[in-house]
Amino acid sequence: SFQSQRSETFCFRCPGNKTTLYSGTRDLSQCRETKCGG
């Protein structure tokens, strides 16, 4: 999840299969793809 604004009471979840490398992410661009295999 991430939050780009100050003073909020929630965080946005990364879309689809994406996640972040660590907690405290500030921007959607830091959401990384996790889909793999096939």
Full PDB file with SEQRES, HELIX, SHEET, SSBOND, CRYST1, ORIGX, SCALE, CONECT and MASTER records, all heavy atoms in Angstrom:
SEQRES   1 A   38  SER PHE GLN SER GLN ARG SER GLU THR PHE CYS PHE ARG          
SEQRES   2 A   38  CYS PRO GLY ASN LYS THR THR LEU TYR SER GLY THR ARG          
SEQRES   3 A   38  ASP LEU SER GLN CYS ARG GLU THR LYS CYS GLY GLY              
HELIX    1 AA1 LEU A   28  GLN A   30  5                                   3    
SSBOND   1 CYS A   14    CYS A   31                          1555   1555  2.04  
CRYST1    1.000    1.000    1.000  90.00  90.00  90.00 P 1           1          
ORIGX1      1.000000  0.000000  0.000000        0.00000                         
ORIGX2      0.000000  1.000000  0.000000        0.00000                         
ORIGX3      0.000000  0.000000  1.000000        0.00000                         
SCALE1      1.000000  0.000000  0.000000        0.00000                         
SCALE2      0.000000  1.000000  0.000000        0.00000                         
SCALE3      0.000000  0.000000  1.000000        0.00000                         
ATOM      1  N   SER A   1       0.841  -1.196   0.000  1.00  0.00           N  
ATOM      2  CA  SER A   1       0.000   0.000   0.000  1.00  0.00           C  
ATOM      3  C   SER A   1       0.877   1.247   0.000  1.00  0.00           C  
ATOM      4  O   SER A   1       2.076   1.178   0.238  1.00  0.00           O  
ATOM      5  CB  SER A   1      -0.939   0.014   1.209  1.00  0.00           C  
ATOM      6  OG  SER A   1      -0.194   0.088   2.420  1.00  0.00           O  
ATOM      7  N   PHE A   2       0.257   2.392  -0.275  1.00  0.00           N  
ATOM      8  CA  PHE A   2       1.017   3.644  -0.341  1.00  0.00           C  
ATOM      9  C   PHE A   2       0.101   4.822   0.000  1.00  0.00           C  
ATOM     10  O   PHE A   2      -1.134   4.717  -0.061  1.00  0.00           O  
ATOM     11  CB  PHE A   2       1.601   3.844  -1.750  1.00  0.00           C  
ATOM     12  CG  PHE A   2       0.550   4.047  -2.812  1.00  0.00           C  
ATOM     13  CD1 PHE A   2       0.182   5.336  -3.207  1.00  0.00           C  
ATOM     14  CD2 PHE A   2      -0.089   2.966  -3.410  1.00  0.00           C  
ATOM     15  CE1 PHE A   2      -0.795   5.531  -4.172  1.00  0.00           C  
ATOM     16  CE2 PHE A   2      -1.070   3.153  -4.379  1.00  0.00           C  
ATOM     17  CZ  PHE A   2      -1.422   4.433  -4.764  1.00  0.00           C  
ATOM     18  N   GLN A   3       0.710   5.937   0.335  1.00  0.00           N  
ATOM     19  CA  GLN A   3      -0.025   7.172   0.579  1.00  0.00           C  
ATOM     20  C   GLN A   3       0.876   8.339   0.175  1.00  0.00           C  
ATOM     21  O   GLN A   3       1.959   8.518   0.721  1.00  0.00           O  
ATOM     22  CB  GLN A   3      -0.438   7.292   2.039  1.00  0.00           C  
ATOM     23  CG  GLN A   3      -1.173   8.577   2.390  1.00  0.00           C  
ATOM     24  CD  GLN A   3      -2.375   8.829   1.483  1.00  0.00           C  
ATOM     25  OE1 GLN A   3      -2.315   9.618   0.546  1.00  0.00           O  
ATOM     26  NE2 GLN A   3      -3.475   8.139   1.794  1.00  0.00           N  
ATOM     27  N   SER A   4       0.427   9.116  -0.800  1.00  0.00           N  
ATOM     28  CA  SER A   4       1.233  10.228  -1.313  1.00  0.00           C  
ATOM     29  C   SER A   4       0.904  11.561  -0.639  1.00  0.00           C  
ATOM     30  O   SER A   4       1.624  12.541  -0.821  1.00  0.00           O  
ATOM     31  CB  SER A   4       1.035  10.358  -2.828  1.00  0.00           C  
ATOM     32  OG  SER A   4      -0.337  10.536  -3.147  1.00  0.00           O  
ATOM     33  N   GLN A   5      -0.170  11.584   0.154  1.00  0.00           N  
ATOM     34  CA  GLN A   5      -0.598  12.833   0.788  1.00  0.00           C  
ATOM     35  C   GLN A   5      -0.254  12.839   2.279  1.00  0.00           C  
ATOM     36  O   GLN A   5       0.002  11.808   2.885  1.00  0.00           O  
ATOM     37  CB  GLN A   5      -2.115  13.024   0.615  1.00  0.00           C  
ATOM     38  CG  GLN A   5      -2.585  13.004  -0.823  1.00  0.00           C  
ATOM     39  CD  GLN A   5      -2.023  14.158  -1.631  1.00  0.00           C  
ATOM     40  OE1 GLN A   5      -1.909  15.283  -1.134  1.00  0.00           O  
ATOM     41  NE2 GLN A   5      -1.648  13.887  -2.876  1.00  0.00           N  
ATOM     42  N   ARG A   6      -0.277  14.011   2.847  1.00  0.00           N  
ATOM     43  CA  ARG A   6      -0.106  14.160   4.288  1.00  0.00           C  
ATOM     44  C   ARG A   6      -1.460  14.076   4.980  1.00  0.00           C  
ATOM     45  O   ARG A   6      -2.514  14.270   4.379  1.00  0.00           O  
ATOM     46  CB  ARG A   6       0.523  15.515   4.609  1.00  0.00           C  
ATOM     47  CG  ARG A   6       1.936  15.719   4.044  1.00  0.00           C  
ATOM     48  CD  ARG A   6       2.397  17.141   4.332  1.00  0.00           C  
ATOM     49  NE  ARG A   6       2.460  17.405   5.758  1.00  0.00           N  
ATOM     50  CZ  ARG A   6       3.559  17.287   6.496  1.00  0.00           C  
ATOM     51  NH1 ARG A   6       4.697  16.913   5.925  1.00  0.00           N  
ATOM     52  NH2 ARG A   6       3.539  17.543   7.793  1.00  0.00           N  
ATOM     53  N   SER A   7      -1.437  13.790   6.271  1.00  0.00           N  
ATOM     54  CA  SER A   7      -2.597  13.929   7.160  1.00  0.00           C  
ATOM     55  C   SER A   7      -3.786  13.063   6.762  1.00  0.00           C  
ATOM     56  O   SER A   7      -4.939  13.471   6.927  1.00  0.00           O  
ATOM     57  CB  SER A   7      -3.040  15.408   7.208  1.00  0.00           C  
ATOM     58  OG  SER A   7      -1.947  16.258   7.469  1.00  0.00           O  
ATOM     59  N   GLU A   8      -3.531  11.848   6.226  1.00  0.00           N  
ATOM     60  CA  GLU A   8      -4.619  10.954   5.843  1.00  0.00           C  
ATOM     61  C   GLU A   8      -4.816   9.863   6.892  1.00  0.00           C  
ATOM     62  O   GLU A   8      -3.924   9.592   7.703  1.00  0.00           O  
ATOM     63  CB  GLU A   8      -4.334  10.317   4.487  1.00  0.00           C  
ATOM     64  CG  GLU A   8      -4.311  11.297   3.327  1.00  0.00           C  
ATOM     65  CD  GLU A   8      -5.689  11.881   3.024  1.00  0.00           C  
ATOM     66  OE1 GLU A   8      -6.686  11.416   3.628  1.00  0.00           O  
ATOM     67  OE2 GLU A   8      -5.767  12.787   2.174  1.00  0.00           O  
ATOM     68  N   THR A   9      -6.005   9.253   6.865  1.00  0.00           N  
ATOM     69  CA  THR A   9      -6.324   8.189   7.813  1.00  0.00           C  
ATOM     70  C   THR A   9      -6.390   6.818   7.140  1.00  0.00           C  
ATOM     71  O   THR A   9      -6.939   5.872   7.689  1.00  0.00           O  
ATOM     72  CB  THR A   9      -7.682   8.467   8.483  1.00  0.00           C  
ATOM     73  OG1 THR A   9      -8.689   8.572   7.464  1.00  0.00           O  
ATOM     74  CG2 THR A   9      -7.621   9.752   9.293  1.00  0.00           C  
ATOM     75  N   PHE A  10      -5.830   6.713   5.940  1.00  0.00           N  
ATOM     76  CA  PHE A  10      -5.856   5.444   5.206  1.00  0.00           C  
ATOM     77  C   PHE A  10      -4.691   5.422   4.207  1.00  0.00           C  
ATOM     78  O   PHE A  10      -4.046   6.438   3.961  1.00  0.00           O  
ATOM     79  CB  PHE A  10      -7.178   5.295   4.446  1.00  0.00           C  
ATOM     80  CG  PHE A  10      -7.347   6.331   3.367  1.00  0.00           C  
ATOM     81  CD1 PHE A  10      -6.984   6.059   2.053  1.00  0.00           C  
ATOM     82  CD2 PHE A  10      -7.845   7.599   3.667  1.00  0.00           C  
ATOM     83  CE1 PHE A  10      -7.117   7.021   1.061  1.00  0.00           C  
ATOM     84  CE2 PHE A  10      -7.992   8.567   2.681  1.00  0.00           C  
ATOM     85  CZ  PHE A  10      -7.626   8.273   1.371  1.00  0.00           C  
ATOM     86  N   CYS A  11      -4.472   4.252   3.615  1.00  0.00           N  
ATOM     87  CA  CYS A  11      -3.483   4.089   2.549  1.00  0.00           C  
ATOM     88  C   CYS A  11      -4.156   3.401   1.368  1.00  0.00           C  
ATOM     89  O   CYS A  11      -5.110   2.629   1.543  1.00  0.00           O  
ATOM     90  CB  CYS A  11      -2.290   3.246   3.013  1.00  0.00           C  
ATOM     91  SG  CYS A  11      -1.294   4.032   4.307  1.00  0.00           S  
ATOM     92  N   PHE A  12      -3.681   3.682   0.169  1.00  0.00           N  
ATOM     93  CA  PHE A  12      -4.188   3.028  -1.038  1.00  0.00           C  
ATOM     94  C   PHE A  12      -3.460   1.702  -1.247  1.00  0.00           C  
ATOM     95  O   PHE A  12      -2.248   1.616  -1.066  1.00  0.00           O  
ATOM     96  CB  PHE A  12      -3.959   3.906  -2.274  1.00  0.00           C  
ATOM     97  CG  PHE A  12      -4.700   5.198  -2.248  1.00  0.00           C  
ATOM     98  CD1 PHE A  12      -4.056   6.376  -1.883  1.00  0.00           C  
ATOM     99  CD2 PHE A  12      -6.034   5.250  -2.602  1.00  0.00           C  
ATOM    100  CE1 PHE A  12      -4.731   7.581  -1.858  1.00  0.00           C  
ATOM    101  CE2 PHE A  12      -6.722   6.456  -2.580  1.00  0.00           C  
ATOM    102  CZ  PHE A  12      -6.079   7.625  -2.217  1.00  0.00           C  
ATOM    103  N   ARG A  13      -4.187   0.677  -1.682  1.00  0.00           N  
ATOM    104  CA  ARG A  13      -3.557  -0.595  -1.996  1.00  0.00           C  
ATOM    105  C   ARG A  13      -2.990  -0.549  -3.408  1.00  0.00           C  
ATOM    106  O   ARG A  13      -3.559   0.066  -4.293  1.00  0.00           O  
ATOM    107  CB  ARG A  13      -4.537  -1.753  -1.875  1.00  0.00           C  
ATOM    108  CG  ARG A  13      -4.954  -2.049  -0.445  1.00  0.00           C  
ATOM    109  CD  ARG A  13      -5.433  -3.495  -0.308  1.00  0.00           C  
ATOM    110  NE  ARG A  13      -4.409  -4.464  -0.683  1.00  0.00           N  
ATOM    111  CZ  ARG A  13      -3.402  -4.827   0.118  1.00  0.00           C  
ATOM    112  NH1 ARG A  13      -3.280  -4.295   1.325  1.00  0.00           N  
ATOM    113  NH2 ARG A  13      -2.539  -5.712  -0.289  1.00  0.00           N  
ATOM    114  N   CYS A  14      -1.859  -1.213  -3.623  1.00  0.00           N  
ATOM    115  CA  CYS A  14      -1.295  -1.314  -4.966  1.00  0.00           C  
ATOM    116  C   CYS A  14      -2.258  -2.095  -5.859  1.00  0.00           C  
ATOM    117  O   CYS A  14      -2.898  -3.050  -5.398  1.00  0.00           O  
ATOM    118  CB  CYS A  14       0.056  -2.035  -4.932  1.00  0.00           C  
ATOM    119  SG  CYS A  14       1.378  -1.100  -4.133  1.00  0.00           S  
ATOM    120  N   PRO A  15      -2.384  -1.713  -7.113  1.00  0.00           N  
ATOM    121  CA  PRO A  15      -3.329  -2.393  -8.009  1.00  0.00           C  
ATOM    122  C   PRO A  15      -2.847  -3.774  -8.445  1.00  0.00           C  
ATOM    123  O   PRO A  15      -1.648  -4.059  -8.454  1.00  0.00           O  
ATOM    124  CB  PRO A  15      -3.389  -1.443  -9.208  1.00  0.00           C  
ATOM    125  CG  PRO A  15      -2.057  -0.768  -9.221  1.00  0.00           C  
ATOM    126  CD  PRO A  15      -1.692  -0.600  -7.775  1.00  0.00           C  
ATOM    127  N   GLY A  16      -3.790  -4.635  -8.831  1.00  0.00           N  
ATOM    128  CA  GLY A  16      -3.476  -5.934  -9.413  1.00  0.00           C  
ATOM    129  C   GLY A  16      -2.603  -6.803  -8.533  1.00  0.00           C  
ATOM    130  O   GLY A  16      -2.835  -6.946  -7.331  1.00  0.00           O  
ATOM    131  N   ASN A  17      -1.565  -7.383  -9.163  1.00  0.00           N  
ATOM    132  CA  ASN A  17      -0.631  -8.266  -8.458  1.00  0.00           C  
ATOM    133  C   ASN A  17       0.553  -7.529  -7.861  1.00  0.00           C  
ATOM    134  O   ASN A  17       1.513  -8.147  -7.420  1.00  0.00           O  
ATOM    135  CB  ASN A  17      -0.096  -9.334  -9.431  1.00  0.00           C  
ATOM    136  CG  ASN A  17      -1.168 -10.270  -9.914  1.00  0.00           C  
ATOM    137  OD1 ASN A  17      -1.873 -10.866  -9.109  1.00  0.00           O  
ATOM    138  ND2 ASN A  17      -1.319 -10.383 -11.221  1.00  0.00           N  
ATOM    139  N   LYS A  18       0.502  -6.225  -7.851  1.00  0.00           N  
ATOM    140  CA  LYS A  18       1.665  -5.458  -7.429  1.00  0.00           C  
ATOM    141  C   LYS A  18       1.748  -5.316  -5.910  1.00  0.00           C  
ATOM    142  O   LYS A  18       0.751  -5.420  -5.206  1.00  0.00           O  
ATOM    143  CB  LYS A  18       1.649  -4.079  -8.078  1.00  0.00           C  
ATOM    144  CG  LYS A  18       1.792  -4.124  -9.597  1.00  0.00           C  
ATOM    145  CD  LYS A  18       1.890  -2.730 -10.194  1.00  0.00           C  
ATOM    146  CE  LYS A  18       2.129  -2.804 -11.698  1.00  0.00           C  
ATOM    147  NZ  LYS A  18       2.288  -1.470 -12.305  1.00  0.00           N  
ATOM    148  N   THR A  19       2.980  -5.069  -5.455  1.00  0.00           N  
ATOM    149  CA  THR A  19       3.215  -4.824  -4.041  1.00  0.00           C  
ATOM    150  C   THR A  19       4.368  -3.827  -3.918  1.00  0.00           C  
ATOM    151  O   THR A  19       4.889  -3.351  -4.923  1.00  0.00           O  
ATOM    152  CB  THR A  19       3.549  -6.130  -3.286  1.00  0.00           C  
ATOM    153  OG1 THR A  19       3.581  -5.877  -1.888  1.00  0.00           O  
ATOM    154  CG2 THR A  19       4.891  -6.688  -3.723  1.00  0.00           C  
ATOM    155  N   THR A  20       4.753  -3.500  -2.695  1.00  0.00           N  
ATOM    156  CA  THR A  20       5.880  -2.596  -2.473  1.00  0.00           C  
ATOM    157  C   THR A  20       7.026  -3.371  -1.836  1.00  0.00           C  
ATOM    158  O   THR A  20       6.809  -4.428  -1.233  1.00  0.00           O  
ATOM    159  CB  THR A  20       5.484  -1.419  -1.559  1.00  0.00           C  
ATOM    160  OG1 THR A  20       5.003  -1.944  -0.308  1.00  0.00           O  
ATOM    161  CG2 THR A  20       4.392  -0.588  -2.197  1.00  0.00           C  
ATOM    162  N   LEU A  21       8.222  -2.838  -1.952  1.00  0.00           N  
ATOM    163  CA  LEU A  21       9.387  -3.517  -1.399  1.00  0.00           C  
ATOM    164  C   LEU A  21       9.493  -3.366   0.108  1.00  0.00           C  
ATOM    165  O   LEU A  21      10.160  -4.144   0.779  1.00  0.00           O  
ATOM    166  CB  LEU A  21      10.669  -2.991  -2.062  1.00  0.00           C  
ATOM    167  CG  LEU A  21      10.782  -3.207  -3.571  1.00  0.00           C  
ATOM    168  CD1 LEU A  21      12.081  -2.620  -4.090  1.00  0.00           C  
ATOM    169  CD2 LEU A  21      10.700  -4.689  -3.910  1.00  0.00           C  
ATOM    170  N   TYR A  22       8.822  -2.339   0.646  1.00  0.00           N  
ATOM    171  CA  TYR A  22       8.922  -2.071   2.072  1.00  0.00           C  
ATOM    172  C   TYR A  22       7.692  -1.287   2.519  1.00  0.00           C  
ATOM    173  O   TYR A  22       6.881  -0.835   1.696  1.00  0.00           O  
ATOM    174  CB  TYR A  22      10.185  -1.275   2.390  1.00  0.00           C  
ATOM    175  CG  TYR A  22      10.439  -0.148   1.421  1.00  0.00           C  
ATOM    176  CD1 TYR A  22       9.752   1.059   1.525  1.00  0.00           C  
ATOM    177  CD2 TYR A  22      11.353  -0.299   0.379  1.00  0.00           C  
ATOM    178  CE1 TYR A  22       9.968   2.080   0.620  1.00  0.00           C  
ATOM    179  CE2 TYR A  22      11.567   0.722  -0.536  1.00  0.00           C  
ATOM    180  CZ  TYR A  22      10.877   1.908  -0.409  1.00  0.00           C  
ATOM    181  OH  TYR A  22      11.082   2.917  -1.312  1.00  0.00           O  
ATOM    182  N   SER A  23       7.504  -1.110   3.803  1.00  0.00           N  
ATOM    183  CA  SER A  23       6.386  -0.324   4.320  1.00  0.00           C  
ATOM    184  C   SER A  23       6.726   1.159   4.227  1.00  0.00           C  
ATOM    185  O   SER A  23       7.886   1.542   4.027  1.00  0.00           O  
ATOM    186  CB  SER A  23       6.102  -0.707   5.780  1.00  0.00           C  
ATOM    187  OG  SER A  23       7.221  -0.412   6.598  1.00  0.00           O  
ATOM    188  N   GLY A  24       5.716   2.002   4.358  1.00  0.00           N  
ATOM    189  CA  GLY A  24       5.942   3.444   4.317  1.00  0.00           C  
ATOM    190  C   GLY A  24       6.136   4.001   2.916  1.00  0.00           C  
ATOM    191  O   GLY A  24       6.770   5.042   2.735  1.00  0.00           O  
ATOM    192  N   THR A  25       5.582   3.326   1.894  1.00  0.00           N  
ATOM    193  CA  THR A  25       5.734   3.765   0.506  1.00  0.00           C  
ATOM    194  C   THR A  25       4.882   5.002   0.237  1.00  0.00           C  
ATOM    195  O   THR A  25       3.735   5.095   0.683  1.00  0.00           O  
ATOM    196  CB  THR A  25       5.335   2.638  -0.463  1.00  0.00           C  
ATOM    197  OG1 THR A  25       6.208   1.532  -0.236  1.00  0.00           O  
ATOM    198  CG2 THR A  25       5.449   3.085  -1.902  1.00  0.00           C  
ATOM    199  N   ARG A  26       5.456   5.927  -0.527  1.00  0.00           N  
ATOM    200  CA  ARG A  26       4.800   7.216  -0.736  1.00  0.00           C  
ATOM    201  C   ARG A  26       4.119   7.390  -2.090  1.00  0.00           C  
ATOM    202  O   ARG A  26       3.387   8.364  -2.275  1.00  0.00           O  
ATOM    203  CB  ARG A  26       5.834   8.334  -0.569  1.00  0.00           C  
ATOM    204  CG  ARG A  26       6.505   8.362   0.788  1.00  0.00           C  
ATOM    205  CD  ARG A  26       7.457   9.529   0.874  1.00  0.00           C  
ATOM    206  NE  ARG A  26       8.079   9.627   2.193  1.00  0.00           N  
ATOM    207  CZ  ARG A  26       8.822  10.640   2.594  1.00  0.00           C  
ATOM    208  NH1 ARG A  26       9.048  11.652   1.774  1.00  0.00           N  
ATOM    209  NH2 ARG A  26       9.349  10.645   3.799  1.00  0.00           N  
ATOM    210  N   ASP A  27       4.379   6.491  -3.041  1.00  0.00           N  
ATOM    211  CA  ASP A  27       3.892   6.772  -4.384  1.00  0.00           C  
ATOM    212  C   ASP A  27       3.508   5.494  -5.120  1.00  0.00           C  
ATOM    213  O   ASP A  27       4.123   4.442  -4.921  1.00  0.00           O  
ATOM    214  CB  ASP A  27       4.973   7.521  -5.179  1.00  0.00           C  
ATOM    215  CG  ASP A  27       4.442   8.095  -6.469  1.00  0.00           C  
ATOM    216  OD1 ASP A  27       3.778   9.154  -6.416  1.00  0.00           O  
ATOM    217  OD2 ASP A  27       4.667   7.470  -7.517  1.00  0.00           O  
ATOM    218  N   LEU A  28       2.504   5.602  -5.996  1.00  0.00           N  
ATOM    219  CA  LEU A  28       2.036   4.466  -6.795  1.00  0.00           C  
ATOM    220  C   LEU A  28       3.160   3.883  -7.637  1.00  0.00           C  
ATOM    221  O   LEU A  28       3.219   2.668  -7.863  1.00  0.00           O  
ATOM    222  CB  LEU A  28       0.890   4.915  -7.698  1.00  0.00           C  
ATOM    223  CG  LEU A  28       0.392   3.913  -8.748  1.00  0.00           C  
ATOM    224  CD1 LEU A  28      -0.166   2.668  -8.075  1.00  0.00           C  
ATOM    225  CD2 LEU A  28      -0.673   4.568  -9.633  1.00  0.00           C  
ATOM    226  N   SER A  29       4.075   4.718  -8.100  1.00  0.00           N  
ATOM    227  CA  SER A  29       5.164   4.250  -8.964  1.00  0.00           C  
ATOM    228  C   SER A  29       6.081   3.258  -8.261  1.00  0.00           C  
ATOM    229  O   SER A  29       6.852   2.539  -8.908  1.00  0.00           O  
ATOM    230  CB  SER A  29       5.994   5.439  -9.472  1.00  0.00           C  
ATOM    231  OG  SER A  29       6.638   6.098  -8.391  1.00  0.00           O  
ATOM    232  N   GLN A  30       6.007   3.199  -6.927  1.00  0.00           N  
ATOM    233  CA  GLN A  30       6.842   2.274  -6.166  1.00  0.00           C  
ATOM    234  C   GLN A  30       6.189   0.911  -5.965  1.00  0.00           C  
ATOM    235  O   GLN A  30       6.765   0.037  -5.323  1.00  0.00           O  
ATOM    236  CB  GLN A  30       7.200   2.890  -4.812  1.00  0.00           C  
ATOM    237  CG  GLN A  30       8.094   4.118  -4.930  1.00  0.00           C  
ATOM    238  CD  GLN A  30       8.344   4.761  -3.583  1.00  0.00           C  
ATOM    239  OE1 GLN A  30       7.483   5.419  -3.012  1.00  0.00           O  
ATOM    240  NE2 GLN A  30       9.549   4.552  -3.054  1.00  0.00           N  
ATOM    241  N   CYS A  31       4.989   0.744  -6.512  1.00  0.00           N  
ATOM    242  CA  CYS A  31       4.331  -0.568  -6.489  1.00  0.00           C  
ATOM    243  C   CYS A  31       4.982  -1.445  -7.564  1.00  0.00           C  
ATOM    244  O   CYS A  31       5.065  -1.039  -8.724  1.00  0.00           O  
ATOM    245  CB  CYS A  31       2.831  -0.428  -6.755  1.00  0.00           C  
ATOM    246  SG  CYS A  31       1.915   0.386  -5.422  1.00  0.00           S  
ATOM    247  N   ARG A  32       5.418  -2.626  -7.199  1.00  0.00           N  
ATOM    248  CA  ARG A  32       6.161  -3.502  -8.104  1.00  0.00           C  
ATOM    249  C   ARG A  32       5.360  -4.738  -8.473  1.00  0.00           C  
ATOM    250  O   ARG A  32       4.602  -5.273  -7.674  1.00  0.00           O  
ATOM    251  CB  ARG A  32       7.485  -3.928  -7.451  1.00  0.00           C  
ATOM    252  CG  ARG A  32       8.333  -2.764  -6.930  1.00  0.00           C  
ATOM    253  CD  ARG A  32       8.691  -1.785  -8.040  1.00  0.00           C  
ATOM    254  NE  ARG A  32       9.488  -0.684  -7.560  1.00  0.00           N  
ATOM    255  CZ  ARG A  32      10.812  -0.670  -7.502  1.00  0.00           C  
ATOM    256  NH1 ARG A  32      11.487  -1.741  -7.861  1.00  0.00           N  
ATOM    257  NH2 ARG A  32      11.461   0.390  -7.062  1.00  0.00           N  
ATOM    258  N   GLU A  33       5.593  -5.211  -9.686  1.00  0.00           N  
ATOM    259  CA  GLU A  33       4.890  -6.387 -10.189  1.00  0.00           C  
ATOM    260  C   GLU A  33       5.377  -7.653  -9.482  1.00  0.00           C  
ATOM    261  O   GLU A  33       6.573  -7.839  -9.256  1.00  0.00           O  
ATOM    262  CB  GLU A  33       5.133  -6.531 -11.693  1.00  0.00           C  
ATOM    263  CG  GLU A  33       4.405  -7.689 -12.339  1.00  0.00           C  
ATOM    264  CD  GLU A  33       2.896  -7.557 -12.222  1.00  0.00           C  
ATOM    265  OE1 GLU A  33       2.339  -6.572 -12.750  1.00  0.00           O  
ATOM    266  OE2 GLU A  33       2.293  -8.440 -11.586  1.00  0.00           O  
ATOM    267  N   THR A  34       4.450  -8.524  -9.105  1.00  0.00           N  
ATOM    268  CA  THR A  34       4.814  -9.787  -8.466  1.00  0.00           C  
ATOM    269  C   THR A  34       4.431 -10.992  -9.320  1.00  0.00           C  
ATOM    270  O   THR A  34       4.815 -12.116  -9.012  1.00  0.00           O  
ATOM    271  CB  THR A  34       4.118  -9.934  -7.106  1.00  0.00           C  
ATOM    272  OG1 THR A  34       2.689  -9.921  -7.292  1.00  0.00           O  
ATOM    273  CG2 THR A  34       4.514  -8.814  -6.167  1.00  0.00           C  
ATOM    274  N   LYS A  35       3.692 -10.767 -10.389  1.00  0.00           N  
ATOM    275  CA  LYS A  35       3.269 -11.879 -11.230  1.00  0.00           C  
ATOM    276  C   LYS A  35       4.488 -12.503 -11.894  1.00  0.00           C  
ATOM    277  O   LYS A  35       5.342 -11.818 -12.438  1.00  0.00           O  
ATOM    278  CB  LYS A  35       2.295 -11.398 -12.295  1.00  0.00           C  
ATOM    279  CG  LYS A  35       1.714 -12.517 -13.147  1.00  0.00           C  
ATOM    280  CD  LYS A  35       0.716 -11.982 -14.147  1.00  0.00           C  
ATOM    281  CE  LYS A  35       0.131 -13.107 -14.986  1.00  0.00           C  
ATOM    282  NZ  LYS A  35      -0.843 -12.587 -15.991  1.00  0.00           N  
ATOM    283  N   CYS A  36       4.576 -13.810 -11.859  1.00  0.00           N  
ATOM    284  CA  CYS A  36       5.736 -14.482 -12.448  1.00  0.00           C  
ATOM    285  C   CYS A  36       5.387 -15.935 -12.708  1.00  0.00           C  
ATOM    286  O   CYS A  36       4.372 -16.448 -12.242  1.00  0.00           O  
ATOM    287  CB  CYS A  36       6.947 -14.379 -11.526  1.00  0.00           C  
ATOM    288  SG  CYS A  36       6.685 -15.074  -9.876  1.00  0.00           S  
ATOM    289  N   GLY A  37       6.266 -16.619 -13.464  1.00  0.00           N  
ATOM    290  CA  GLY A  37       6.056 -18.026 -13.757  1.00  0.00           C  
ATOM    291  C   GLY A  37       5.249 -18.245 -15.025  1.00  0.00           C  
ATOM    292  O   GLY A  37       4.810 -17.303 -15.682  1.00  0.00           O  
ATOM    293  N   GLY A  38       5.059 -19.519 -15.383  1.00  0.00           N  
ATOM    294  CA  GLY A  38       4.264 -19.871 -16.549  1.00  0.00           C  
ATOM    295  C   GLY A  38       4.882 -21.007 -17.337  1.00  0.00           C  
ATOM    296  O   GLY A  38       5.986 -21.481 -17.045  1.00  0.00           O  
TER     297      GLY A  38                                                      
CONECT  119  246                                                                
CONECT  246  119                                                                
MASTER        0    0    0    1    0    0    0    6  296    1    2    3          
END                                                                             
